[in-house]
Amino acid sequence: MALPLCLYASQFDERQASLLTSIQKEASQCCKRIGAGIFLSIVSMIVSAIVEERRRSIALTDPIPGIRTRGDISSMSGFWLVPQLALAGLAEAFTAIGQVEFYYKQFPENMRSIAGSLFFCGMAGSSYLSGFLIAIVHRTTEGLQLEISLPEDLNKGDLITSTT
């Protein structure tokens, strides 16, 4: 995920900034870049769902023999993660660069560093929030006899929880 982000960020000013500046207004550029990042994020999640479904079916039908920790290990290659992580890195690059550029263009000059720091504080806060929500789901459903969607063994996870 970091490799596409670094590659895009390093090539951004040279190739696309001059082209995009001449075509559109500054604020709409940032918004379109953020929109492209959100679209790529959606595509990345679709690709992730397809790859995960394939990985899970291989882990349940054709696991690696002899190795068993908490669940069966899939014999699928780890290189199947490359497309989804590359898309996620590009999505992050589009979105992060667009947001930071938007903040720097829209905020007064003496508040630009605050805008940048708030962007990264927002990313950190959302990371803590997602971990907190996962912990709440685990604690809430740990005593129940439900097959929750976030089990320790990923092969036993399911998107639909049932009480039967």
N, C-alpha and C. Protein backbone atom coordinates (compact mmCIF):
# COMPACT_ATOMS: atom_id res chain seq x y z
N MET A 1 0.82 -1.18 0.00
CA MET A 1 0.00 0.00 0.00
C MET A 1 0.87 1.25 0.00
N ALA A 2 2.01 1.18 0.65
CA ALA A 2 2.87 2.35 0.72
C ALA A 2 3.59 2.62 -0.59
N LEU A 3 3.90 1.57 -1.35
CA LEU A 3 4.64 1.75 -2.60
C LEU A 3 3.85 2.57 -3.62
N PRO A 4 2.58 2.25 -3.92
CA PRO A 4 1.83 3.11 -4.86
C PRO A 4 1.65 4.53 -4.34
N LEU A 5 1.49 4.67 -3.02
CA LEU A 5 1.36 6.00 -2.43
C LEU A 5 2.63 6.81 -2.68
N CYS A 6 3.79 6.22 -2.43
CA CYS A 6 5.06 6.94 -2.64
C CYS A 6 5.30 7.24 -4.11
N LEU A 7 5.01 6.27 -4.97
CA LEU A 7 5.22 6.50 -6.40
C LEU A 7 4.32 7.61 -6.93
N TYR A 8 3.05 7.58 -6.54
CA TYR A 8 2.14 8.62 -7.02
C TYR A 8 2.52 9.98 -6.45
N ALA A 9 2.84 10.02 -5.18
CA ALA A 9 3.17 11.31 -4.56
C ALA A 9 4.43 11.92 -5.16
N SER A 10 5.41 11.08 -5.52
CA SER A 10 6.64 11.61 -6.10
C SER A 10 6.44 12.10 -7.53
N GLN A 11 5.53 11.51 -8.26
CA GLN A 11 5.30 11.89 -9.66
C GLN A 11 4.18 12.91 -9.82
N PHE A 12 3.49 13.24 -8.73
CA PHE A 12 2.31 14.09 -8.81
C PHE A 12 2.62 15.47 -9.37
N ASP A 13 3.58 16.17 -8.79
CA ASP A 13 3.88 17.54 -9.21
C ASP A 13 4.36 17.60 -10.64
N GLU A 14 5.19 16.67 -11.04
CA GLU A 14 5.78 16.72 -12.37
C GLU A 14 4.77 16.50 -13.48
N ARG A 15 3.90 15.52 -13.32
CA ARG A 15 3.06 15.11 -14.45
C ARG A 15 1.64 15.68 -14.41
N GLN A 16 1.01 15.65 -13.25
CA GLN A 16 -0.40 15.96 -13.23
C GLN A 16 -0.74 17.36 -12.75
N ALA A 17 0.06 17.94 -11.90
CA ALA A 17 -0.29 19.25 -11.35
C ALA A 17 -0.41 20.30 -12.43
N SER A 18 0.55 20.34 -13.36
CA SER A 18 0.49 21.35 -14.42
C SER A 18 -0.69 21.10 -15.35
N LEU A 19 -0.96 19.85 -15.67
CA LEU A 19 -2.08 19.53 -16.54
C LEU A 19 -3.41 19.86 -15.88
N LEU A 20 -3.58 19.47 -14.63
CA LEU A 20 -4.84 19.71 -13.94
C LEU A 20 -5.06 21.20 -13.66
N THR A 21 -4.01 21.93 -13.40
CA THR A 21 -4.14 23.35 -13.12
C THR A 21 -4.63 24.11 -14.34
N SER A 22 -4.18 23.71 -15.50
CA SER A 22 -4.60 24.42 -16.71
C SER A 22 -6.02 24.06 -17.12
N ILE A 23 -6.54 22.94 -16.70
CA ILE A 23 -7.86 22.50 -17.14
C ILE A 23 -8.98 23.00 -16.23
N GLN A 24 -8.79 22.95 -14.91
CA GLN A 24 -9.89 23.21 -13.98
C GLN A 24 -9.51 24.25 -12.94
N LYS A 25 -10.50 24.66 -12.17
CA LYS A 25 -10.25 25.58 -11.06
C LYS A 25 -9.58 24.83 -9.93
N GLU A 26 -8.91 25.58 -9.05
CA GLU A 26 -8.11 24.95 -7.99
C GLU A 26 -8.96 24.16 -7.01
N ALA A 27 -10.05 24.71 -6.50
CA ALA A 27 -10.85 24.01 -5.50
C ALA A 27 -11.52 22.78 -6.09
N SER A 28 -12.02 22.89 -7.33
CA SER A 28 -12.68 21.73 -7.92
C SER A 28 -11.69 20.63 -8.25
N GLN A 29 -10.42 20.98 -8.51
CA GLN A 29 -9.37 19.98 -8.72
C GLN A 29 -9.23 19.12 -7.48
N CYS A 30 -9.13 19.76 -6.35
CA CYS A 30 -8.95 19.03 -5.10
C CYS A 30 -10.13 18.11 -4.84
N CYS A 31 -11.32 18.62 -5.08
CA CYS A 31 -12.51 17.81 -4.83
C CYS A 31 -12.59 16.63 -5.80
N LYS A 32 -12.21 16.85 -7.05
CA LYS A 32 -12.21 15.75 -8.02
C LYS A 32 -11.14 14.72 -7.67
N ARG A 33 -10.01 15.18 -7.18
CA ARG A 33 -8.95 14.25 -6.77
C ARG A 33 -9.42 13.43 -5.57
N ILE A 34 -10.07 14.08 -4.63
CA ILE A 34 -10.60 13.36 -3.47
C ILE A 34 -11.68 12.36 -3.92
N GLY A 35 -12.53 12.77 -4.85
CA GLY A 35 -13.55 11.87 -5.39
C GLY A 35 -12.94 10.67 -6.10
N ALA A 36 -11.86 10.90 -6.85
CA ALA A 36 -11.17 9.79 -7.51
C ALA A 36 -10.60 8.84 -6.47
N GLY A 37 -10.08 9.38 -5.37
CA GLY A 37 -9.56 8.54 -4.30
C GLY A 37 -10.66 7.71 -3.64
N ILE A 38 -11.81 8.31 -3.44
CA ILE A 38 -12.93 7.58 -2.85
C ILE A 38 -13.42 6.48 -3.80
N PHE A 39 -13.47 6.79 -5.10
CA PHE A 39 -13.86 5.78 -6.08
C PHE A 39 -12.86 4.63 -6.10
N LEU A 40 -11.56 4.94 -6.09
CA LEU A 40 -10.55 3.88 -6.05
C LEU A 40 -10.63 3.07 -4.76
N SER A 41 -11.02 3.71 -3.68
CA SER A 41 -11.20 3.00 -2.42
C SER A 41 -12.35 1.99 -2.52
N ILE A 42 -13.42 2.39 -3.18
CA ILE A 42 -14.55 1.47 -3.39
C ILE A 42 -14.13 0.30 -4.26
N VAL A 43 -13.40 0.58 -5.34
CA VAL A 43 -12.91 -0.49 -6.21
C VAL A 43 -11.97 -1.42 -5.43
N SER A 44 -11.13 -0.85 -4.58
CA SER A 44 -10.22 -1.65 -3.76
C SER A 44 -10.98 -2.57 -2.83
N MET A 45 -12.07 -2.09 -2.24
CA MET A 45 -12.87 -2.94 -1.35
C MET A 45 -13.56 -4.06 -2.12
N ILE A 46 -14.00 -3.77 -3.35
CA ILE A 46 -14.63 -4.82 -4.17
C ILE A 46 -13.60 -5.90 -4.51
N VAL A 47 -12.40 -5.47 -4.92
CA VAL A 47 -11.33 -6.42 -5.22
C VAL A 47 -10.96 -7.21 -3.97
N SER A 48 -10.90 -6.55 -2.83
CA SER A 48 -10.58 -7.22 -1.56
C SER A 48 -11.63 -8.28 -1.23
N ALA A 49 -12.89 -7.97 -1.45
CA ALA A 49 -13.96 -8.94 -1.17
C ALA A 49 -13.85 -10.16 -2.06
N ILE A 50 -13.55 -9.94 -3.33
CA ILE A 50 -13.42 -11.06 -4.27
C ILE A 50 -12.23 -11.94 -3.88
N VAL A 51 -11.09 -11.32 -3.58
CA VAL A 51 -9.89 -12.09 -3.21
C VAL A 51 -10.11 -12.81 -1.89
N GLU A 52 -10.75 -12.17 -0.92
CA GLU A 52 -10.99 -12.81 0.38
C GLU A 52 -11.94 -13.98 0.25
N GLU A 53 -12.95 -13.87 -0.59
CA GLU A 53 -13.86 -14.99 -0.80
C GLU A 53 -13.11 -16.18 -1.42
N ARG A 54 -12.25 -15.88 -2.36
CA ARG A 54 -11.43 -16.94 -2.99
C ARG A 54 -10.47 -17.55 -1.96
N ARG A 55 -9.81 -16.72 -1.15
CA ARG A 55 -8.88 -17.22 -0.13
C ARG A 55 -9.59 -18.10 0.88
N ARG A 56 -10.76 -17.67 1.29
CA ARG A 56 -11.51 -18.44 2.29
C ARG A 56 -11.97 -19.78 1.74
N SER A 57 -12.44 -19.78 0.50
CA SER A 57 -12.88 -21.05 -0.09
C SER A 57 -11.70 -22.00 -0.27
N ILE A 58 -10.54 -21.49 -0.64
CA ILE A 58 -9.36 -22.35 -0.77
C ILE A 58 -8.91 -22.86 0.60
N ALA A 59 -8.98 -22.00 1.62
CA ALA A 59 -8.57 -22.42 2.96
C ALA A 59 -9.49 -23.51 3.50
N LEU A 60 -10.76 -23.47 3.17
CA LEU A 60 -11.70 -24.47 3.66
C LEU A 60 -11.68 -25.75 2.84
N THR A 61 -11.38 -25.66 1.52
CA THR A 61 -11.41 -26.85 0.68
C THR A 61 -10.04 -27.47 0.45
N ASP A 62 -8.98 -26.65 0.40
CA ASP A 62 -7.64 -27.15 0.09
C ASP A 62 -6.59 -26.46 0.96
N PRO A 63 -6.61 -26.70 2.27
CA PRO A 63 -5.64 -26.03 3.14
C PRO A 63 -4.24 -26.63 3.00
N ILE A 64 -3.25 -25.94 3.52
CA ILE A 64 -1.89 -26.47 3.53
C ILE A 64 -1.86 -27.61 4.54
N PRO A 65 -1.47 -28.81 4.12
CA PRO A 65 -1.49 -29.95 5.05
C PRO A 65 -0.39 -29.84 6.10
N GLY A 66 -0.72 -30.28 7.30
CA GLY A 66 0.26 -30.37 8.37
C GLY A 66 0.42 -29.11 9.20
N ILE A 67 -0.04 -27.96 8.71
CA ILE A 67 0.10 -26.72 9.45
C ILE A 67 -1.28 -26.31 9.92
N ARG A 68 -1.45 -26.27 11.22
CA ARG A 68 -2.75 -25.86 11.76
C ARG A 68 -2.50 -25.13 13.07
N THR A 69 -2.83 -23.86 13.09
CA THR A 69 -2.71 -23.09 14.33
C THR A 69 -4.11 -22.91 14.89
N ARG A 70 -4.76 -21.81 14.60
CA ARG A 70 -6.15 -21.59 15.04
C ARG A 70 -7.14 -22.07 14.00
N GLY A 71 -6.73 -22.08 12.76
CA GLY A 71 -7.60 -22.50 11.67
C GLY A 71 -6.75 -22.98 10.52
N ASP A 72 -7.40 -23.39 9.47
CA ASP A 72 -6.67 -23.85 8.30
C ASP A 72 -6.00 -22.68 7.60
N ILE A 73 -4.82 -22.94 7.04
CA ILE A 73 -4.08 -21.91 6.31
C ILE A 73 -4.30 -22.13 4.83
N SER A 74 -4.64 -21.08 4.13
CA SER A 74 -4.91 -21.15 2.70
C SER A 74 -3.63 -21.39 1.92
N SER A 75 -3.72 -22.21 0.88
CA SER A 75 -2.58 -22.46 0.01
C SER A 75 -2.47 -21.41 -1.09
N MET A 76 -3.27 -20.39 -1.01
CA MET A 76 -3.26 -19.31 -2.01
C MET A 76 -2.02 -18.44 -1.83
N SER A 77 -1.46 -17.97 -2.93
CA SER A 77 -0.26 -17.14 -2.89
C SER A 77 -0.56 -15.78 -2.27
N GLY A 78 0.42 -15.26 -1.56
CA GLY A 78 0.28 -13.93 -0.97
C GLY A 78 0.30 -12.81 -1.99
N PHE A 79 0.72 -13.11 -3.20
CA PHE A 79 0.76 -12.10 -4.25
C PHE A 79 -0.64 -11.68 -4.70
N TRP A 80 -1.66 -12.43 -4.30
CA TRP A 80 -3.03 -12.02 -4.60
C TRP A 80 -3.41 -10.74 -3.85
N LEU A 81 -2.63 -10.37 -2.85
CA LEU A 81 -2.89 -9.14 -2.11
C LEU A 81 -2.39 -7.90 -2.85
N VAL A 82 -1.50 -8.08 -3.82
CA VAL A 82 -0.88 -6.95 -4.50
C VAL A 82 -1.91 -6.03 -5.19
N PRO A 83 -2.87 -6.54 -5.97
CA PRO A 83 -3.80 -5.62 -6.63
C PRO A 83 -4.62 -4.77 -5.66
N GLN A 84 -5.15 -5.39 -4.61
CA GLN A 84 -5.98 -4.62 -3.68
C GLN A 84 -5.15 -3.63 -2.89
N LEU A 85 -3.93 -3.99 -2.51
CA LEU A 85 -3.10 -3.05 -1.77
C LEU A 85 -2.59 -1.93 -2.66
N ALA A 86 -2.34 -2.23 -3.93
CA ALA A 86 -1.94 -1.17 -4.86
C ALA A 86 -3.08 -0.18 -5.07
N LEU A 87 -4.29 -0.70 -5.22
CA LEU A 87 -5.46 0.19 -5.36
C LEU A 87 -5.69 1.00 -4.10
N ALA A 88 -5.51 0.38 -2.95
CA ALA A 88 -5.70 1.11 -1.69
C ALA A 88 -4.64 2.20 -1.54
N GLY A 89 -3.41 1.92 -1.96
CA GLY A 89 -2.36 2.93 -1.91
C GLY A 89 -2.64 4.09 -2.84
N LEU A 90 -3.10 3.80 -4.05
CA LEU A 90 -3.47 4.87 -4.98
C LEU A 90 -4.64 5.69 -4.46
N ALA A 91 -5.61 5.01 -3.86
CA ALA A 91 -6.76 5.72 -3.30
C ALA A 91 -6.32 6.65 -2.19
N GLU A 92 -5.44 6.15 -1.32
CA GLU A 92 -4.93 6.98 -0.23
C GLU A 92 -4.13 8.16 -0.77
N ALA A 93 -3.36 7.92 -1.83
CA ALA A 93 -2.56 9.00 -2.42
C ALA A 93 -3.46 10.09 -2.98
N PHE A 94 -4.45 9.71 -3.76
CA PHE A 94 -5.37 10.70 -4.33
C PHE A 94 -6.07 11.48 -3.23
N THR A 95 -6.61 10.75 -2.25
CA THR A 95 -7.39 11.39 -1.21
C THR A 95 -6.53 12.28 -0.31
N ALA A 96 -5.40 11.76 0.15
CA ALA A 96 -4.56 12.52 1.07
C ALA A 96 -3.97 13.76 0.40
N ILE A 97 -3.46 13.60 -0.81
CA ILE A 97 -2.89 14.75 -1.51
C ILE A 97 -3.97 15.78 -1.80
N GLY A 98 -5.14 15.32 -2.21
CA GLY A 98 -6.24 16.24 -2.48
C GLY A 98 -6.69 16.99 -1.25
N GLN A 99 -6.78 16.30 -0.12
CA GLN A 99 -7.21 16.96 1.11
C GLN A 99 -6.18 17.97 1.61
N VAL A 100 -4.92 17.57 1.63
CA VAL A 100 -3.88 18.49 2.11
C VAL A 100 -3.80 19.70 1.19
N GLU A 101 -3.88 19.48 -0.12
CA GLU A 101 -3.85 20.60 -1.06
C GLU A 101 -5.05 21.52 -0.86
N PHE A 102 -6.21 20.92 -0.63
CA PHE A 102 -7.42 21.72 -0.39
C PHE A 102 -7.26 22.57 0.87
N TYR A 103 -6.74 21.97 1.94
CA TYR A 103 -6.55 22.71 3.18
C TYR A 103 -5.57 23.86 2.99
N TYR A 104 -4.49 23.60 2.28
CA TYR A 104 -3.49 24.65 2.09
C TYR A 104 -4.01 25.78 1.20
N LYS A 105 -4.93 25.48 0.30
CA LYS A 105 -5.46 26.53 -0.57
C LYS A 105 -6.60 27.30 0.10
N GLN A 106 -7.35 26.67 0.96
CA GLN A 106 -8.54 27.29 1.53
C GLN A 106 -8.30 27.95 2.89
N PHE A 107 -7.31 27.49 3.63
CA PHE A 107 -7.05 28.07 4.95
C PHE A 107 -6.18 29.31 4.80
N PRO A 108 -6.32 30.26 5.73
CA PRO A 108 -5.40 31.40 5.72
C PRO A 108 -3.96 30.93 5.94
N GLU A 109 -3.01 31.75 5.52
CA GLU A 109 -1.61 31.34 5.56
C GLU A 109 -1.12 30.99 6.96
N ASN A 110 -1.61 31.70 7.98
CA ASN A 110 -1.13 31.42 9.34
C ASN A 110 -1.80 30.20 9.96
N MET A 111 -2.78 29.58 9.28
CA MET A 111 -3.45 28.39 9.81
C MET A 111 -3.15 27.13 9.01
N ARG A 112 -2.28 27.21 8.02
CA ARG A 112 -2.03 26.06 7.15
C ARG A 112 -1.39 24.90 7.89
N SER A 113 -0.48 25.17 8.79
CA SER A 113 0.15 24.07 9.53
C SER A 113 -0.85 23.40 10.46
N ILE A 114 -1.79 24.18 10.99
CA ILE A 114 -2.84 23.59 11.83
C ILE A 114 -3.73 22.69 11.00
N ALA A 115 -4.05 23.11 9.78
CA ALA A 115 -4.88 22.28 8.90
C ALA A 115 -4.20 20.96 8.59
N GLY A 116 -2.91 21.01 8.29
CA GLY A 116 -2.18 19.78 8.02
C GLY A 116 -2.13 18.86 9.23
N SER A 117 -1.91 19.44 10.39
CA SER A 117 -1.86 18.61 11.60
C SER A 117 -3.23 18.04 11.94
N LEU A 118 -4.29 18.79 11.70
CA LEU A 118 -5.63 18.25 11.94
C LEU A 118 -5.95 17.10 11.00
N PHE A 119 -5.45 17.16 9.77
CA PHE A 119 -5.64 16.06 8.82
C PHE A 119 -5.03 14.78 9.38
N PHE A 120 -3.79 14.85 9.84
CA PHE A 120 -3.13 13.65 10.35
C PHE A 120 -3.69 13.23 11.70
N CYS A 121 -4.15 14.16 12.51
CA CYS A 121 -4.83 13.80 13.76
C CYS A 121 -6.15 13.08 13.47
N GLY A 122 -6.83 13.50 12.42
CA GLY A 122 -8.06 12.82 12.00
C GLY A 122 -7.79 11.40 11.55
N MET A 123 -6.69 11.20 10.83
CA MET A 123 -6.33 9.84 10.42
C MET A 123 -6.01 8.97 11.63
N ALA A 124 -5.27 9.52 12.58
CA ALA A 124 -4.93 8.77 13.79
C ALA A 124 -6.18 8.47 14.61
N GLY A 125 -7.05 9.46 14.75
CA GLY A 125 -8.29 9.26 15.50
C GLY A 125 -9.18 8.20 14.88
N SER A 126 -9.27 8.19 13.54
CA SER A 126 -10.10 7.18 12.89
C SER A 126 -9.51 5.79 13.05
N SER A 127 -8.20 5.68 13.10
CA SER A 127 -7.57 4.38 13.34
C SER A 127 -7.89 3.88 14.74
N TYR A 128 -7.78 4.76 15.74
CA TYR A 128 -8.14 4.37 17.11
C TYR A 128 -9.62 4.02 17.20
N LEU A 129 -10.47 4.77 16.52
CA LEU A 129 -11.91 4.50 16.56
C LEU A 129 -12.25 3.14 15.97
N SER A 130 -11.61 2.77 14.87
CA SER A 130 -11.89 1.46 14.28
C SER A 130 -11.46 0.34 15.22
N GLY A 131 -10.31 0.48 15.86
CA GLY A 131 -9.89 -0.52 16.84
C GLY A 131 -10.82 -0.59 18.03
N PHE A 132 -11.31 0.56 18.46
CA PHE A 132 -12.25 0.62 19.57
C PHE A 132 -13.57 -0.07 19.20
N LEU A 133 -14.06 0.15 17.99
CA LEU A 133 -15.31 -0.49 17.56
C LEU A 133 -15.17 -2.00 17.47
N ILE A 134 -14.03 -2.47 16.99
CA ILE A 134 -13.80 -3.92 16.92
C ILE A 134 -13.76 -4.51 18.33
N ALA A 135 -13.13 -3.81 19.26
CA ALA A 135 -13.09 -4.28 20.65
C ALA A 135 -14.49 -4.33 21.25
N ILE A 136 -15.32 -3.34 20.95
CA ILE A 136 -16.70 -3.34 21.45
C ILE A 136 -17.48 -4.52 20.90
N VAL A 137 -17.33 -4.80 19.60
CA VAL A 137 -18.04 -5.94 18.99
C VAL A 137 -17.59 -7.24 19.65
N HIS A 138 -16.31 -7.41 19.87
CA HIS A 138 -15.82 -8.63 20.52
C HIS A 138 -16.33 -8.77 21.94
N ARG A 139 -16.30 -7.70 22.71
CA ARG A 139 -16.76 -7.78 24.10
C ARG A 139 -18.26 -7.98 24.19
N THR A 140 -19.02 -7.37 23.30
CA THR A 140 -20.47 -7.48 23.33
C THR A 140 -20.92 -8.89 22.96
N THR A 141 -20.27 -9.50 22.01
CA THR A 141 -20.73 -10.80 21.51
C THR A 141 -19.94 -11.98 22.07
N GLU A 142 -19.02 -11.75 23.02
CA GLU A 142 -18.18 -12.86 23.48
C GLU A 142 -18.96 -13.89 24.29
N GLY A 143 -19.95 -13.53 25.05
CA GLY A 143 -20.71 -14.49 25.84
C GLY A 143 -21.85 -15.15 25.07
N LEU A 144 -22.23 -14.59 23.96
CA LEU A 144 -23.33 -15.12 23.17
C LEU A 144 -22.85 -16.29 22.30
N GLN A 145 -23.76 -17.13 21.91
CA GLN A 145 -23.44 -18.27 21.06
C GLN A 145 -23.66 -17.92 19.59
N LEU A 146 -23.16 -16.77 19.20
CA LEU A 146 -23.31 -16.32 17.81
C LEU A 146 -22.01 -16.53 17.06
N GLU A 147 -22.12 -16.82 15.78
CA GLU A 147 -20.94 -16.80 14.93
C GLU A 147 -20.82 -15.37 14.43
N ILE A 148 -20.00 -14.59 15.11
CA ILE A 148 -19.89 -13.18 14.76
C ILE A 148 -19.04 -13.01 13.51
N SER A 149 -19.10 -11.82 12.95
CA SER A 149 -18.37 -11.58 11.71
C SER A 149 -16.90 -11.28 11.95
N LEU A 150 -16.43 -11.21 13.18
CA LEU A 150 -15.03 -10.91 13.49
C LEU A 150 -14.42 -11.97 14.40
N PRO A 151 -14.41 -13.24 14.00
CA PRO A 151 -13.87 -14.26 14.89
C PRO A 151 -12.34 -14.29 14.83
N GLU A 152 -11.73 -15.03 15.75
CA GLU A 152 -10.27 -15.20 15.74
C GLU A 152 -9.84 -15.97 14.50
N ASP A 153 -10.60 -16.98 14.11
CA ASP A 153 -10.31 -17.74 12.90
C ASP A 153 -11.07 -17.08 11.75
N LEU A 154 -10.33 -16.45 10.85
CA LEU A 154 -10.97 -15.72 9.75
C LEU A 154 -11.78 -16.62 8.83
N ASN A 155 -11.45 -17.89 8.78
CA ASN A 155 -12.18 -18.80 7.91
C ASN A 155 -13.59 -19.09 8.43
N LYS A 156 -13.82 -18.84 9.71
CA LYS A 156 -15.15 -19.06 10.29
C LYS A 156 -16.00 -17.80 10.29
N GLY A 157 -15.47 -16.70 9.82
CA GLY A 157 -16.21 -15.46 9.78
C GLY A 157 -17.29 -15.48 8.72
N ASP A 158 -18.32 -14.70 8.96
CA ASP A 158 -19.44 -14.64 8.03
C ASP A 158 -20.01 -13.24 8.09
N LEU A 159 -20.48 -12.76 6.97
CA LEU A 159 -21.06 -11.43 6.93
C LEU A 159 -22.45 -11.39 7.56
N ILE A 160 -23.12 -12.52 7.59
CA ILE A 160 -24.47 -12.59 8.13
C ILE A 160 -24.41 -13.36 9.44
N THR A 161 -24.80 -12.71 10.53
CA THR A 161 -24.82 -13.40 11.82
C THR A 161 -26.19 -14.03 12.01
N SER A 162 -26.20 -15.23 12.56
CA SER A 162 -27.47 -15.90 12.77
C SER A 162 -27.49 -16.50 14.17
N THR A 163 -28.65 -16.64 14.73
CA THR A 163 -28.80 -17.21 16.06
C THR A 163 -29.21 -18.68 16.00
N THR A 164 -29.36 -19.22 14.80
CA THR A 164 -29.79 -20.61 14.71
C THR A 164 -28.62 -21.56 14.68
